[in-house]
Protein backbone atom coordinates (compact mmCIF):
# COMPACT_ATOMS: atom_id res chain seq x y z
CA MET A 1 3.14 -6.32 -12.48
CA PRO A 2 -0.09 -8.17 -11.51
CA THR A 3 -0.90 -5.43 -9.01
CA LEU A 4 -0.57 -2.78 -11.70
CA ARG A 5 -2.70 -4.75 -14.15
CA ALA A 6 -5.33 -5.07 -11.41
CA LEU A 7 -5.81 -1.29 -11.50
CA ALA A 8 -7.60 -1.72 -14.83
CA ASP A 9 -9.64 -4.78 -13.79
CA GLN A 10 -13.10 -3.32 -13.20
CA ALA A 11 -14.55 -6.58 -11.89
CA LEU A 12 -11.80 -6.82 -9.28
CA LEU A 13 -12.17 -3.16 -8.30
CA GLU A 14 -15.94 -3.61 -7.89
CA TYR A 15 -15.32 -6.67 -5.71
CA VAL A 16 -12.89 -4.68 -3.54
CA ARG A 17 -15.45 -1.85 -3.19
CA SER A 18 -18.18 -4.35 -2.29
CA ALA A 19 -16.02 -6.20 0.25
CA ALA A 20 -14.89 -2.90 1.78
CA ARG A 21 -18.49 -1.84 2.40
CA ARG A 22 -18.90 -4.83 4.73
CA ALA A 23 -15.42 -4.89 6.28
CA ARG A 24 -14.60 -3.65 9.75
CA ILE A 25 -11.02 -2.96 8.67
CA VAL A 26 -9.71 -2.56 5.13
CA GLY A 27 -5.97 -2.98 4.74
CA SER A 28 -3.23 -3.42 2.21
CA THR A 29 0.48 -4.03 2.08
CA CYS A 30 2.95 -2.47 -0.33
CA THR A 31 1.43 -1.63 -3.73
CA GLY A 32 -1.89 -3.16 -2.67
CA ALA A 33 -2.75 0.40 -1.63
CA LEU A 34 -2.88 1.25 -5.33
CA ILE A 35 -5.76 -1.21 -5.75
CA LEU A 36 -7.65 0.34 -2.83
CA ALA A 37 -7.04 3.78 -4.33
CA ALA A 38 -8.07 2.70 -7.84
CA ALA A 39 -11.29 1.40 -6.30
CA GLY A 40 -11.88 4.91 -4.93
CA LEU A 41 -11.54 3.85 -1.30
CA LEU A 42 -8.60 6.12 -0.46
CA ASN A 43 -9.83 9.38 -2.04
CA GLY A 44 -8.66 12.17 0.24
CA ARG A 45 -7.37 9.68 2.80
CA ARG A 46 -3.90 9.43 4.27
CA ALA A 47 -2.20 6.25 3.07
CA THR A 48 1.15 4.73 2.29
CA THR A 49 2.60 2.31 -0.25
CA HIS A 50 6.02 1.24 -1.47
CA TRP A 51 8.04 4.45 -1.71
CA GLY A 52 8.69 3.97 -5.43
CA PHE A 53 4.96 4.23 -6.14
CA HIS A 54 4.12 7.24 -3.97
CA ARG A 55 3.29 9.46 -6.96
CA VAL A 56 0.97 6.82 -8.42
CA LEU A 57 -0.87 6.57 -5.10
CA GLU A 58 -1.37 10.34 -5.08
CA ARG A 59 -2.56 10.36 -8.70
CA LEU A 60 -5.18 7.85 -7.63
CA GLY A 61 -6.52 10.30 -5.05
CA ALA A 62 -4.81 9.38 -1.77
CA THR A 63 -2.54 11.58 0.31
CA TYR A 64 0.81 9.80 0.54
CA VAL A 65 2.35 9.63 4.01
CA PRO A 66 5.93 8.30 4.20
CA GLU A 67 5.40 6.03 7.21
CA ARG A 68 5.70 2.26 7.70
CA TRP A 69 1.95 1.98 8.14
CA VAL A 70 -0.83 4.51 8.15
CA GLN A 71 -4.33 4.29 9.57
CA ASP A 72 -7.11 6.59 8.40
CA GLU A 73 -10.29 5.51 10.17
CA ARG A 74 -10.89 1.88 9.16
CA PHE A 75 -8.37 1.97 6.29
CA ILE A 76 -4.86 0.77 7.09
CA THR A 77 -2.03 0.65 4.57
CA ALA A 78 1.53 -0.59 4.99
CA ALA A 79 4.49 0.74 3.01
CA GLY A 80 6.27 -2.50 2.20
CA ILE A 81 6.36 -6.18 2.94
CA SER A 82 8.06 -6.00 6.34
CA ALA A 83 5.95 -2.98 7.27
CA GLY A 84 2.96 -5.23 6.64
CA ILE A 85 4.02 -7.29 9.64
CA ASP A 86 4.02 -4.16 11.80
CA MET A 87 0.56 -3.29 10.48
CA ALA A 88 -0.70 -6.83 11.08
CA LEU A 89 0.42 -6.73 14.71
CA HIS A 90 -1.37 -3.40 15.13
CA VAL A 91 -4.53 -4.95 13.65
CA ALA A 92 -4.19 -8.00 15.91
CA GLN A 93 -3.98 -5.70 18.93
CA ARG A 94 -6.89 -3.59 17.72
CA LEU A 95 -9.12 -6.62 17.18
CA THR A 96 -8.11 -8.39 20.38
CA ASP A 97 -5.68 -6.92 22.90
CA GLU A 98 -1.98 -6.31 23.50
CA ARG A 99 -1.43 -9.73 25.08
CA VAL A 100 -2.70 -11.57 22.01
CA ALA A 101 -0.74 -9.31 19.64
CA ARG A 102 2.44 -9.98 21.63
CA GLN A 103 1.76 -13.72 21.43
CA VAL A 104 1.43 -13.44 17.67
CA GLN A 105 4.68 -11.51 17.52
CA LEU A 106 6.40 -14.19 19.58
CA ILE A 107 4.97 -17.05 17.52
CA LEU A 108 6.23 -15.32 14.37
CA GLU A 109 9.59 -14.67 16.07
CA TYR A 110 9.26 -11.16 14.73
CA ASP A 111 12.25 -9.38 16.23
CA PRO A 112 13.69 -7.28 13.40
CA GLN A 113 17.42 -6.80 13.55
CA PRO A 114 18.51 -5.94 10.00
CA PRO A 115 22.21 -6.68 9.50
CA LEU A 116 22.78 -3.26 7.93
CA GLY A 117 20.72 -1.32 10.46
CA GLY A 118 17.72 0.81 9.69
CA ILE A 119 17.15 2.89 6.58
CA ASP A 120 18.01 6.56 6.81
CA TRP A 121 14.94 7.83 4.97
CA SER A 122 16.25 11.40 4.96
CA GLN A 123 18.88 10.17 2.48
CA VAL A 124 16.46 8.33 0.16
CA ASP A 125 15.39 10.02 -3.07
CA ARG A 126 11.77 8.88 -3.24
CA ASN A 127 11.73 9.74 -6.95
CA ALA A 128 14.71 7.52 -7.82
CA MET A 129 12.49 4.69 -9.04
CA ASP A 130 10.35 6.87 -11.31
CA PRO A 131 11.89 5.55 -14.57
CA VAL A 132 11.51 1.92 -13.45
CA VAL A 133 7.93 2.51 -12.28
CA ALA A 134 7.09 4.27 -15.56
CA ASP A 135 8.42 1.32 -17.60
CA MET A 136 6.45 -1.14 -15.48
CA MET A 137 3.30 0.93 -15.93
CA ARG A 138 3.75 1.34 -19.69
CA THR A 139 3.90 -2.43 -19.97
CA ALA A 140 1.02 -3.09 -17.57
CA PHE A 141 -1.27 -0.50 -19.16
CA ALA A 142 -0.49 -1.10 -22.83
CA ALA A 143 -4.14 -2.04 -23.38
CA HIS A 144 -5.44 0.84 -21.23
CA PRO A 145 -4.11 4.12 -22.66
CA GLU A 146 -6.54 6.23 -20.58
CA LEU A 147 -5.17 4.77 -17.34
CA ALA A 148 -1.60 5.09 -18.58
CA ALA A 149 -2.19 8.76 -19.41
CA LYS A 150 -3.63 9.39 -15.94
CA LEU A 151 -0.84 7.66 -14.05
CA LEU A 152 2.30 7.92 -16.18
CA ASP A 153 3.04 11.62 -15.81
CA LEU A 154 5.61 10.95 -13.10
């Protein structure tokens, strides 16, 4: 819920815009992409977020791409928490080189082997969480009816 409430925090959004102007790379993990989008940084850009919030991301002006991480120029977004590790390794390689990124991966012991295997995304209804997301947003935006109206039409 703090991420959703942040969408209405104008001081925070201005800080994000200001920091982004000076940053070489601007990135987010999971619903952090919603903050970048609310700050206007993802308008017309390809981006990703947690699959349950894909409609919200689009309502904030980004083009949702259902990938683990997405790079659009200097903006990089990761879909979920574990995808953030993938994105971070990409950033480490981009800022240094493959050798350093592989060292980071080794130090983290990042060798994903989920006990249930991978997710078959072709079988996932990306709209299944709409009622849960709508309830979360109604609560988060109770004091901001204009934002709720913009984002709640799921």
